[in-house]
Amino acid sequence: MELSDARYNELMDQAMLDCYGEEEEFSGVFCTLEDELRFPLQASLVGVPVVVHGLDSERSTTHRGIVAIVERDGQRYPANLADLEFVAPDEASAEWLAAFRRWAATY
C-alpha cells in the first residue's frame, strides 16, 4: 500500500503526538502500532508462513527496532517487524504497516 505524503504525515503526527526526542518518538510509534494493528495477522518470515500475535515491548528498542511476536508450528518467537511480509492485512492494519515501513526506512 502506498501512502500519500499527507496521509503519512497525518499518521505520524498521531503516533508522535507530544513526543520529544528519538526515544519518545520510537515509543509513540510502538504504542500506536500496538493499538492500531488488528492482531493476529498472517505474514511470512523469509518465505515461511507465520502468525503475528502482537508486539514485544521488552525486546523492542531504538537499537533493535520494533519486535513482533510470531508463531510457527505452535511455537512463539521474536521477529523484527520490518522483516515480515504481511499477507492480506485488513485495510487499517495495511495503512499503519505502510506508515511503519516508511518511518523505519528513515529511522
PDB file of N, CA and C in Angstrom:
ATOM      1  N   MET A   1       0.846  -1.178   0.000  1.00  0.00           N
ATOM      2  CA  MET A   1       0.000   0.000   0.000  1.00  0.00           C
ATOM      3  C   MET A   1       0.889   1.238   0.000  1.00  0.00           C
ATOM      4  N   GLU A   2       0.602   2.141  -0.882  1.00  0.00           N
ATOM      5  CA  GLU A   2       1.312   3.416  -0.944  1.00  0.00           C
ATOM      6  C   GLU A   2       0.518   4.462  -0.170  1.00  0.00           C
ATOM      7  N   LEU A   3       1.218   5.257   0.603  1.00  0.00           N
ATOM      8  CA  LEU A   3       0.585   6.356   1.323  1.00  0.00           C
ATOM      9  C   LEU A   3       1.012   7.673   0.700  1.00  0.00           C
ATOM     10  N   SER A   4       0.078   8.589   0.602  1.00  0.00           N
ATOM     11  CA  SER A   4       0.451   9.933   0.166  1.00  0.00           C
ATOM     12  C   SER A   4       1.294  10.567   1.264  1.00  0.00           C
ATOM     13  N   ASP A   5       2.063  11.574   0.910  1.00  0.00           N
ATOM     14  CA  ASP A   5       2.857  12.279   1.917  1.00  0.00           C
ATOM     15  C   ASP A   5       1.952  12.855   2.999  1.00  0.00           C
ATOM     16  N   ALA A   6       0.812  13.397   2.580  1.00  0.00           N
ATOM     17  CA  ALA A   6      -0.111  13.999   3.546  1.00  0.00           C
ATOM     18  C   ALA A   6      -0.641  12.955   4.524  1.00  0.00           C
ATOM     19  N   ARG A   7      -1.029  11.788   4.019  1.00  0.00           N
ATOM     20  CA  ARG A   7      -1.561  10.738   4.903  1.00  0.00           C
ATOM     21  C   ARG A   7      -0.472  10.201   5.823  1.00  0.00           C
ATOM     22  N   TYR A   8       0.731   9.995   5.290  1.00  0.00           N
ATOM     23  CA  TYR A   8       1.849   9.542   6.120  1.00  0.00           C
ATOM     24  C   TYR A   8       2.096  10.543   7.253  1.00  0.00           C
ATOM     25  N   ASN A   9       2.149  11.825   6.921  1.00  0.00           N
ATOM     26  CA  ASN A   9       2.385  12.849   7.943  1.00  0.00           C
ATOM     27  C   ASN A   9       1.272  12.871   8.978  1.00  0.00           C
ATOM     28  N   GLU A  10       0.043  12.672   8.527  1.00  0.00           N
ATOM     29  CA  GLU A  10      -1.098  12.633   9.447  1.00  0.00           C
ATOM     30  C   GLU A  10      -0.963  11.466  10.433  1.00  0.00           C
ATOM     31  N   LEU A  11      -0.609  10.288   9.929  1.00  0.00           N
ATOM     32  CA  LEU A  11      -0.447   9.120  10.800  1.00  0.00           C
ATOM     33  C   LEU A  11       0.720   9.305  11.762  1.00  0.00           C
ATOM     34  N   MET A  12       1.833   9.841  11.276  1.00  0.00           N
ATOM     35  CA  MET A  12       2.991  10.043  12.151  1.00  0.00           C
ATOM     36  C   MET A  12       2.713  11.122  13.193  1.00  0.00           C
ATOM     37  N   ASP A  13       1.964  12.152  12.812  1.00  0.00           N
ATOM     38  CA  ASP A  13       1.570  13.160  13.798  1.00  0.00           C
ATOM     39  C   ASP A  13       0.733  12.523  14.898  1.00  0.00           C
ATOM     40  N   GLN A  14      -0.151  11.625  14.522  1.00  0.00           N
ATOM     41  CA  GLN A  14      -0.973  10.915  15.505  1.00  0.00           C
ATOM     42  C   GLN A  14      -0.099  10.055  16.414  1.00  0.00           C
ATOM     43  N   ALA A  15       0.850   9.342  15.833  1.00  0.00           N
ATOM     44  CA  ALA A  15       1.697   8.435  16.607  1.00  0.00           C
ATOM     45  C   ALA A  15       2.657   9.181  17.523  1.00  0.00           C
ATOM     46  N   MET A  16       3.108  10.346  17.097  1.00  0.00           N
ATOM     47  CA  MET A  16       4.150  11.056  17.843  1.00  0.00           C
ATOM     48  C   MET A  16       3.638  12.288  18.570  1.00  0.00           C
ATOM     49  N   LEU A  17       2.350  12.359  18.799  1.00  0.00           N
ATOM     50  CA  LEU A  17       1.761  13.490  19.498  1.00  0.00           C
ATOM     51  C   LEU A  17       2.432  13.663  20.853  1.00  0.00           C
ATOM     52  N   ASP A  18       2.903  14.856  21.124  1.00  0.00           N
ATOM     53  CA  ASP A  18       3.567  15.191  22.397  1.00  0.00           C
ATOM     54  C   ASP A  18       4.841  14.397  22.646  1.00  0.00           C
ATOM     55  N   CYS A  19       5.495  13.918  21.607  1.00  0.00           N
ATOM     56  CA  CYS A  19       6.765  13.196  21.756  1.00  0.00           C
ATOM     57  C   CYS A  19       7.918  14.154  21.495  1.00  0.00           C
ATOM     58  N   TYR A  20       8.913  14.085  22.356  1.00  0.00           N
ATOM     59  CA  TYR A  20      10.099  14.925  22.218  1.00  0.00           C
ATOM     60  C   TYR A  20      11.324  14.034  22.260  1.00  0.00           C
ATOM     61  N   GLY A  21      12.052  14.000  21.185  1.00  0.00           N
ATOM     62  CA  GLY A  21      13.263  13.202  21.122  1.00  0.00           C
ATOM     63  C   GLY A  21      13.024  11.827  20.529  1.00  0.00           C
ATOM     64  N   GLU A  22      14.129  11.196  20.158  1.00  0.00           N
ATOM     65  CA  GLU A  22      14.100   9.923  19.441  1.00  0.00           C
ATOM     66  C   GLU A  22      13.423   8.801  20.226  1.00  0.00           C
ATOM     67  N   GLU A  23      13.741   8.670  21.499  1.00  0.00           N
ATOM     68  CA  GLU A  23      13.156   7.569  22.280  1.00  0.00           C
ATOM     69  C   GLU A  23      11.658   7.728  22.456  1.00  0.00           C
ATOM     70  N   GLU A  24      11.202   8.942  22.703  1.00  0.00           N
ATOM     71  CA  GLU A  24       9.764   9.165  22.842  1.00  0.00           C
ATOM     72  C   GLU A  24       9.044   8.924  21.516  1.00  0.00           C
ATOM     73  N   GLU A  25       9.654   9.332  20.414  1.00  0.00           N
ATOM     74  CA  GLU A  25       9.045   9.087  19.106  1.00  0.00           C
ATOM     75  C   GLU A  25       8.960   7.590  18.825  1.00  0.00           C
ATOM     76  N   PHE A  26      10.025   6.857  19.149  1.00  0.00           N
ATOM     77  CA  PHE A  26      10.013   5.402  18.982  1.00  0.00           C
ATOM     78  C   PHE A  26       8.883   4.791  19.809  1.00  0.00           C
ATOM     79  N   SER A  27       8.780   5.204  21.062  1.00  0.00           N
ATOM     80  CA  SER A  27       7.719   4.686  21.936  1.00  0.00           C
ATOM     81  C   SER A  27       6.342   5.044  21.411  1.00  0.00           C
ATOM     82  N   GLY A  28       6.204   6.246  20.872  1.00  0.00           N
ATOM     83  CA  GLY A  28       4.927   6.662  20.309  1.00  0.00           C
ATOM     84  C   GLY A  28       4.512   5.796  19.133  1.00  0.00           C
ATOM     85  N   VAL A  29       5.458   5.512  18.249  1.00  0.00           N
ATOM     86  CA  VAL A  29       5.162   4.652  17.098  1.00  0.00           C
ATOM     87  C   VAL A  29       4.854   3.242  17.579  1.00  0.00           C
ATOM     88  N   PHE A  30       5.647   2.718  18.503  1.00  0.00           N
ATOM     89  CA  PHE A  30       5.411   1.372  19.030  1.00  0.00           C
ATOM     90  C   PHE A  30       4.007   1.265  19.620  1.00  0.00           C
ATOM     91  N   CYS A  31       3.658   2.175  20.518  1.00  0.00           N
ATOM     92  CA  CYS A  31       2.349   2.112  21.189  1.00  0.00           C
ATOM     93  C   CYS A  31       1.194   2.265  20.203  1.00  0.00           C
ATOM     94  N   THR A  32       1.366   3.142  19.222  1.00  0.00           N
ATOM     95  CA  THR A  32       0.313   3.324  18.229  1.00  0.00           C
ATOM     96  C   THR A  32       0.128   2.066  17.394  1.00  0.00           C
ATOM     97  N   LEU A  33       1.233   1.455  16.967  1.00  0.00           N
ATOM     98  CA  LEU A  33       1.117   0.205  16.203  1.00  0.00           C
ATOM     99  C   LEU A  33       0.460  -0.880  17.046  1.00  0.00           C
ATOM    100  N   GLU A  34       0.839  -0.955  18.305  1.00  0.00           N
ATOM    101  CA  GLU A  34       0.256  -1.958  19.197  1.00  0.00           C
ATOM    102  C   GLU A  34      -1.257  -1.772  19.306  1.00  0.00           C
ATOM    103  N   ASP A  35      -1.689  -0.513  19.318  1.00  0.00           N
ATOM    104  CA  ASP A  35      -3.122  -0.211  19.423  1.00  0.00           C
ATOM    105  C   ASP A  35      -3.865  -0.363  18.094  1.00  0.00           C
ATOM    106  N   GLU A  36      -3.228  -0.010  16.995  1.00  0.00           N
ATOM    107  CA  GLU A  36      -3.923   0.081  15.709  1.00  0.00           C
ATOM    108  C   GLU A  36      -3.867  -1.179  14.848  1.00  0.00           C
ATOM    109  N   LEU A  37      -2.822  -1.995  14.994  1.00  0.00           N
ATOM    110  CA  LEU A  37      -2.755  -3.229  14.202  1.00  0.00           C
ATOM    111  C   LEU A  37      -3.751  -4.231  14.755  1.00  0.00           C
ATOM    112  N   ARG A  38      -4.443  -4.907  13.886  1.00  0.00           N
ATOM    113  CA  ARG A  38      -5.501  -5.843  14.298  1.00  0.00           C
ATOM    114  C   ARG A  38      -4.959  -7.268  14.281  1.00  0.00           C
ATOM    115  N   PHE A  39      -4.350  -7.624  15.391  1.00  0.00           N
ATOM    116  CA  PHE A  39      -3.764  -8.965  15.547  1.00  0.00           C
ATOM    117  C   PHE A  39      -4.855  -9.987  15.803  1.00  0.00           C
ATOM    118  N   PRO A  40      -4.640 -11.235  15.412  1.00  0.00           N
ATOM    119  CA  PRO A  40      -3.471 -11.791  14.730  1.00  0.00           C
ATOM    120  C   PRO A  40      -3.469 -11.420  13.248  1.00  0.00           C
ATOM    121  N   LEU A  41      -2.257 -11.346  12.691  1.00  0.00           N
ATOM    122  CA  LEU A  41      -2.061 -11.056  11.274  1.00  0.00           C
ATOM    123  C   LEU A  41      -1.257 -12.179  10.634  1.00  0.00           C
ATOM    124  N   GLN A  42      -1.617 -12.513   9.417  1.00  0.00           N
ATOM    125  CA  GLN A  42      -0.877 -13.526   8.666  1.00  0.00           C
ATOM    126  C   GLN A  42       0.323 -12.852   8.002  1.00  0.00           C
ATOM    127  N   ALA A  43       1.459 -13.531   8.042  1.00  0.00           N
ATOM    128  CA  ALA A  43       2.669 -12.970   7.442  1.00  0.00           C
ATOM    129  C   ALA A  43       3.598 -14.098   7.036  1.00  0.00           C
ATOM    130  N   SER A  44       4.707 -13.711   6.436  1.00  0.00           N
ATOM    131  CA  SER A  44       5.771 -14.682   6.182  1.00  0.00           C
ATOM    132  C   SER A  44       7.082 -14.053   6.622  1.00  0.00           C
ATOM    133  N   LEU A  45       7.970 -14.908   7.075  1.00  0.00           N
ATOM    134  CA  LEU A  45       9.300 -14.507   7.521  1.00  0.00           C
ATOM    135  C   LEU A  45      10.283 -15.356   6.737  1.00  0.00           C
ATOM    136  N   VAL A  46      11.075 -14.724   5.896  1.00  0.00           N
ATOM    137  CA  VAL A  46      11.971 -15.413   4.951  1.00  0.00           C
ATOM    138  C   VAL A  46      11.246 -16.540   4.215  1.00  0.00           C
ATOM    139  N   GLY A  47      10.018 -16.251   3.772  1.00  0.00           N
ATOM    140  CA  GLY A  47       9.248 -17.203   2.988  1.00  0.00           C
ATOM    141  C   GLY A  47       8.472 -18.233   3.774  1.00  0.00           C
ATOM    142  N   VAL A  48       8.610 -18.235   5.093  1.00  0.00           N
ATOM    143  CA  VAL A  48       7.925 -19.215   5.942  1.00  0.00           C
ATOM    144  C   VAL A  48       6.672 -18.564   6.533  1.00  0.00           C
ATOM    145  N   PRO A  49       5.494 -19.175   6.361  1.00  0.00           N
ATOM    146  CA  PRO A  49       4.270 -18.605   6.926  1.00  0.00           C
ATOM    147  C   PRO A  49       4.320 -18.560   8.457  1.00  0.00           C
ATOM    148  N   VAL A  50       3.901 -17.421   9.012  1.00  0.00           N
ATOM    149  CA  VAL A  50       3.817 -17.240  10.459  1.00  0.00           C
ATOM    150  C   VAL A  50       2.545 -16.462  10.775  1.00  0.00           C
ATOM    151  N   VAL A  51       2.155 -16.507  12.038  1.00  0.00           N
ATOM    152  CA  VAL A  51       1.057 -15.690  12.534  1.00  0.00           C
ATOM    153  C   VAL A  51       1.660 -14.678  13.498  1.00  0.00           C
ATOM    154  N   VAL A  52       1.346 -13.410  13.292  1.00  0.00           N
ATOM    155  CA  VAL A  52       1.852 -12.349  14.156  1.00  0.00           C
ATOM    156  C   VAL A  52       0.795 -12.079  15.224  1.00  0.00           C
ATOM    157  N   HIS A  53       1.183 -12.284  16.486  1.00  0.00           N
ATOM    158  CA  HIS A  53       0.236 -12.150  17.594  1.00  0.00           C
ATOM    159  C   HIS A  53       0.295 -10.806  18.298  1.00  0.00           C
ATOM    160  N   GLY A  54       1.355 -10.061  18.103  1.00  0.00           N
ATOM    161  CA  GLY A  54       1.473  -8.778  18.776  1.00  0.00           C
ATOM    162  C   GLY A  54       2.890  -8.268  18.694  1.00  0.00           C
ATOM    163  N   LEU A  55       3.164  -7.241  19.494  1.00  0.00           N
ATOM    164  CA  LEU A  55       4.489  -6.643  19.540  1.00  0.00           C
ATOM    165  C   LEU A  55       5.109  -6.912  20.905  1.00  0.00           C
ATOM    166  N   ASP A  56       6.415  -6.978  20.945  1.00  0.00           N
ATOM    167  CA  ASP A  56       7.152  -7.307  22.166  1.00  0.00           C
ATOM    168  C   ASP A  56       7.790  -6.039  22.729  1.00  0.00           C
ATOM    169  N   SER A  57       7.178  -5.495  23.769  1.00  0.00           N
ATOM    170  CA  SER A  57       7.670  -4.240  24.342  1.00  0.00           C
ATOM    171  C   SER A  57       9.017  -4.403  25.032  1.00  0.00           C
ATOM    172  N   GLU A  58       9.309  -5.581  25.542  1.00  0.00           N
ATOM    173  CA  GLU A  58      10.581  -5.787  26.234  1.00  0.00           C
ATOM    174  C   GLU A  58      11.752  -5.903  25.267  1.00  0.00           C
ATOM    175  N   ARG A  59      11.545  -6.480  24.108  1.00  0.00           N
ATOM    176  CA  ARG A  59      12.632  -6.653  23.137  1.00  0.00           C
ATOM    177  C   ARG A  59      12.766  -5.476  22.173  1.00  0.00           C
ATOM    178  N   SER A  60      11.722  -4.694  22.022  1.00  0.00           N
ATOM    179  CA  SER A  60      11.761  -3.563  21.092  1.00  0.00           C
ATOM    180  C   SER A  60      12.561  -2.413  21.702  1.00  0.00           C
ATOM    181  N   THR A  61      13.548  -1.949  20.956  1.00  0.00           N
ATOM    182  CA  THR A  61      14.376  -0.822  21.401  1.00  0.00           C
ATOM    183  C   THR A  61      14.722   0.034  20.190  1.00  0.00           C
ATOM    184  N   THR A  62      15.228   1.225  20.461  1.00  0.00           N
ATOM    185  CA  THR A  62      15.648   2.085  19.353  1.00  0.00           C
ATOM    186  C   THR A  62      16.782   1.436  18.570  1.00  0.00           C
ATOM    187  N   HIS A  63      17.563   0.603  19.210  1.00  0.00           N
ATOM    188  CA  HIS A  63      18.670  -0.083  18.528  1.00  0.00           C
ATOM    189  C   HIS A  63      18.175  -1.284  17.708  1.00  0.00           C
ATOM    190  N   ARG A  64      17.315  -2.112  18.293  1.00  0.00           N
ATOM    191  CA  ARG A  64      16.818  -3.330  17.622  1.00  0.00           C
ATOM    192  C   ARG A  64      15.679  -3.054  16.656  1.00  0.00           C
ATOM    193  N   GLY A  65      14.918  -2.032  16.932  1.00  0.00           N
ATOM    194  CA  GLY A  65      13.709  -1.776  16.167  1.00  0.00           C
ATOM    195  C   GLY A  65      12.505  -2.393  16.858  1.00  0.00           C
ATOM    196  N   ILE A  66      11.387  -2.407  16.178  1.00  0.00           N
ATOM    197  CA  ILE A  66      10.155  -2.954  16.746  1.00  0.00           C
ATOM    198  C   ILE A  66      10.132  -4.454  16.501  1.00  0.00           C
ATOM    199  N   VAL A  67       9.958  -5.187  17.584  1.00  0.00           N
ATOM    200  CA  VAL A  67       9.987  -6.647  17.541  1.00  0.00           C
ATOM    201  C   VAL A  67       8.565  -7.178  17.697  1.00  0.00           C
ATOM    202  N   ALA A  68       8.202  -8.083  16.805  1.00  0.00           N
ATOM    203  CA  ALA A  68       6.884  -8.727  16.839  1.00  0.00           C
ATOM    204  C   ALA A  68       7.006 -10.109  17.467  1.00  0.00           C
ATOM    205  N   ILE A  69       5.879 -10.618  17.925  1.00  0.00           N
ATOM    206  CA  ILE A  69       5.797 -11.989  18.434  1.00  0.00           C
ATOM    207  C   ILE A  69       5.102 -12.804  17.351  1.00  0.00           C
ATOM    208  N   VAL A  70       5.834 -13.764  16.784  1.00  0.00           N
ATOM    209  CA  VAL A  70       5.278 -14.586  15.711  1.00  0.00           C
ATOM    210  C   VAL A  70       5.178 -16.036  16.167  1.00  0.00           C
ATOM    211  N   GLU A  71       4.244 -16.749  15.554  1.00  0.00           N
ATOM    212  CA  GLU A  71       4.050 -18.167  15.876  1.00  0.00           C
ATOM    213  C   GLU A  71       4.181 -19.000  14.613  1.00  0.00           C
ATOM    214  N   ARG A  72       4.884 -20.112  14.770  1.00  0.00           N
ATOM    215  CA  ARG A  72       5.010 -21.100  13.694  1.00  0.00           C
ATOM    216  C   ARG A  72       5.021 -22.470  14.339  1.00  0.00           C
ATOM    217  N   ASP A  73       4.177 -23.361  13.859  1.00  0.00           N
ATOM    218  CA  ASP A  73       4.101 -24.733  14.372  1.00  0.00           C
ATOM    219  C   ASP A  73       3.923 -24.773  15.889  1.00  0.00           C
ATOM    220  N   GLY A  74       3.091 -23.875  16.406  1.00  0.00           N
ATOM    221  CA  GLY A  74       2.780 -23.878  17.830  1.00  0.00           C
ATOM    222  C   GLY A  74       3.826 -23.246  18.729  1.00  0.00           C
ATOM    223  N   GLN A  75       4.918 -22.759  18.181  1.00  0.00           N
ATOM    224  CA  GLN A  75       5.980 -22.112  18.960  1.00  0.00           C
ATOM    225  C   GLN A  75       6.001 -20.616  18.653  1.00  0.00           C
ATOM    226  N   ARG A  76       6.230 -19.816  19.682  1.00  0.00           N
ATOM    227  CA  ARG A  76       6.304 -18.367  19.503  1.00  0.00           C
ATOM    228  C   ARG A  76       7.753 -17.900  19.532  1.00  0.00           C
ATOM    229  N   TYR A  77       8.040 -16.920  18.669  1.00  0.00           N
ATOM    230  CA  TYR A  77       9.394 -16.408  18.504  1.00  0.00           C
ATOM    231  C   TYR A  77       9.352 -14.890  18.327  1.00  0.00           C
ATOM    232  N   PRO A  78      10.442 -14.199  18.666  1.00  0.00           N
ATOM    233  CA  PRO A  78      10.542 -12.782  18.326  1.00  0.00           C
ATOM    234  C   PRO A  78      11.024 -12.630  16.886  1.00  0.00           C
ATOM    235  N   ALA A  79      10.536 -11.613  16.207  1.00  0.00           N
ATOM    236  CA  ALA A  79      10.985 -11.305  14.845  1.00  0.00           C
ATOM    237  C   ALA A  79      10.869  -9.802  14.638  1.00  0.00           C
ATOM    238  N   ASN A  80      11.822  -9.230  13.940  1.00  0.00           N
ATOM    239  CA  ASN A  80      11.765  -7.808  13.660  1.00  0.00           C
ATOM    240  C   ASN A  80      10.573  -7.530  12.741  1.00  0.00           C
ATOM    241  N   LEU A  81       9.760  -6.575  13.122  1.00  0.00           N
ATOM    242  CA  LEU A  81       8.562  -6.246  12.347  1.00  0.00           C
ATOM    243  C   LEU A  81       8.913  -5.887  10.902  1.00  0.00           C
ATOM    244  N   ALA A  82      10.049  -5.238  10.698  1.00  0.00           N
ATOM    245  CA  ALA A  82      10.459  -4.836   9.350  1.00  0.00           C
ATOM    246  C   ALA A  82      10.810  -6.025   8.465  1.00  0.00           C
ATOM    247  N   ASP A  83      11.076  -7.179   9.055  1.00  0.00           N
ATOM    248  CA  ASP A  83      11.439  -8.373   8.286  1.00  0.00           C
ATOM    249  C   ASP A  83      10.236  -9.195   7.838  1.00  0.00           C
ATOM    250  N   LEU A  84       9.050  -8.825   8.269  1.00  0.00           N
ATOM    251  CA  LEU A  84       7.846  -9.597   7.965  1.00  0.00           C
ATOM    252  C   LEU A  84       7.168  -9.092   6.694  1.00  0.00           C
ATOM    253  N   GLU A  85       6.687 -10.033   5.895  1.00  0.00           N
ATOM    254  CA  GLU A  85       5.864  -9.728   4.720  1.00  0.00           C
ATOM    255  C   GLU A  85       4.433 -10.100   5.086  1.00  0.00           C
ATOM    256  N   PHE A  86       3.548  -9.130   5.136  1.00  0.00           N
ATOM    257  CA  PHE A  86       2.183  -9.393   5.574  1.00  0.00           C
ATOM    258  C   PHE A  86       1.316  -9.856   4.415  1.00  0.00           C
ATOM    259  N   VAL A  87       0.424 -10.795   4.716  1.00  0.00           N
ATOM    260  CA  VAL A  87      -0.444 -11.411   3.723  1.00  0.00           C
ATOM    261  C   VAL A  87      -1.865 -10.895   3.940  1.00  0.00           C
ATOM    262  N   ALA A  88      -2.324 -10.066   3.031  1.00  0.00           N
ATOM    263  CA  ALA A  88      -3.699  -9.560   3.027  1.00  0.00           C
ATOM    264  C   ALA A  88      -4.159  -9.015   4.376  1.00  0.00           C
ATOM    265  N   PRO A  89      -3.424  -8.040   4.950  1.00  0.00           N
ATOM    266  CA  PRO A  89      -3.914  -7.452   6.199  1.00  0.00           C
ATOM    267  C   PRO A  89      -5.166  -6.617   5.934  1.00  0.00           C
ATOM    268  N   ASP A  90      -5.957  -6.397   6.968  1.00  0.00           N
ATOM    269  CA  ASP A  90      -7.121  -5.526   6.824  1.00  0.00           C
ATOM    270  C   ASP A  90      -6.629  -4.126   6.445  1.00  0.00           C
ATOM    271  N   GLU A  91      -7.527  -3.309   5.945  1.00  0.00           N
ATOM    272  CA  GLU A  91      -7.144  -2.003   5.403  1.00  0.00           C
ATOM    273  C   GLU A  91      -6.463  -1.103   6.433  1.00  0.00           C
ATOM    274  N   ALA A  92      -6.996  -1.060   7.648  1.00  0.00           N
ATOM    275  CA  ALA A  92      -6.399  -0.208   8.682  1.00  0.00           C
ATOM    276  C   ALA A  92      -4.996  -0.686   9.038  1.00  0.00           C
ATOM    277  N   SER A  93      -4.831  -1.989   9.210  1.00  0.00           N
ATOM    278  CA  SER A  93      -3.504  -2.531   9.517  1.00  0.00           C
ATOM    279  C   SER A  93      -2.543  -2.279   8.364  1.00  0.00           C
ATOM    280  N   ALA A  94      -3.006  -2.458   7.134  1.00  0.00           N
ATOM    281  CA  ALA A  94      -2.153  -2.237   5.962  1.00  0.00           C
ATOM    282  C   ALA A  94      -1.657  -0.794   5.914  1.00  0.00           C
ATOM    283  N   GLU A  95      -2.527   0.132   6.258  1.00  0.00           N
ATOM    284  CA  GLU A  95      -2.144   1.543   6.246  1.00  0.00           C
ATOM    285  C   GLU A  95      -1.072   1.826   7.301  1.00  0.00           C
ATOM    286  N   TRP A  96      -1.265   1.312   8.504  1.00  0.00           N
ATOM    287  CA  TRP A  96      -0.274   1.515   9.564  1.00  0.00           C
ATOM    288  C   TRP A  96       1.026   0.794   9.260  1.00  0.00           C
ATOM    289  N   LEU A  97       0.961  -0.380   8.660  1.00  0.00           N
ATOM    290  CA  LEU A  97       2.187  -1.096   8.295  1.00  0.00           C
ATOM    291  C   LEU A  97       2.957  -0.336   7.217  1.00  0.00           C
ATOM    292  N   ALA A  98       2.249   0.269   6.276  1.00  0.00           N
ATOM    293  CA  ALA A  98       2.907   1.081   5.252  1.00  0.00           C
ATOM    294  C   ALA A  98       3.574   2.300   5.888  1.00  0.00           C
ATOM    295  N   ALA A  99       2.889   2.923   6.828  1.00  0.00           N
ATOM    296  CA  ALA A  99       3.476   4.065   7.533  1.00  0.00           C
ATOM    297  C   ALA A  99       4.703   3.619   8.333  1.00  0.00           C
ATOM    298  N   PHE A 100       4.600   2.465   8.991  1.00  0.00           N
ATOM    299  CA  PHE A 100       5.737   1.940   9.752  1.00  0.00           C
ATOM    300  C   PHE A 100       6.940   1.717   8.842  1.00  0.00           C
ATOM    301  N   ARG A 101       6.733   1.083   7.704  1.00  0.00           N
ATOM    302  CA  ARG A 101       7.859   0.797   6.797  1.00  0.00           C
ATOM    303  C   ARG A 101       8.538   2.089   6.331  1.00  0.00           C
ATOM    304  N   ARG A 102       7.737   3.071   6.028  1.00  0.00           N
ATOM    305  CA  ARG A 102       8.307   4.350   5.588  1.00  0.00           C
ATOM    306  C   ARG A 102       9.072   5.012   6.730  1.00  0.00           C
ATOM    307  N   TRP A 103       8.501   4.998   7.921  1.00  0.00           N
ATOM    308  CA  TRP A 103       9.169   5.568   9.093  1.00  0.00           C
ATOM    309  C   TRP A 103      10.453   4.805   9.401  1.00  0.00           C
ATOM    310  N   ALA A 104      10.393   3.476   9.388  1.00  0.00           N
ATOM    311  CA  ALA A 104      11.554   2.647   9.727  1.00  0.00           C
ATOM    312  C   ALA A 104      12.695   2.860   8.734  1.00  0.00           C
ATOM    313  N   ALA A 105      12.369   3.133   7.482  1.00  0.00           N
ATOM    314  CA  ALA A 105      13.403   3.344   6.465  1.00  0.00           C
ATOM    315  C   ALA A 105      14.195   4.622   6.717  1.00  0.00           C
ATOM    316  N   THR A 106      13.615   5.547   7.450  1.00  0.00           N
ATOM    317  CA  THR A 106      14.294   6.815   7.730  1.00  0.00           C
ATOM    318  C   THR A 106      14.762   6.911   9.170  1.00  0.00           C
ATOM    319  N   TYR A 107      14.460   5.911   9.965  1.00  0.00           N
ATOM    320  CA  TYR A 107      14.759   5.958  11.402  1.00  0.00           C
ATOM    321  C   TYR A 107      16.192   5.624  11.673  1.00  0.00           C
TER     322      TYR A 107
END
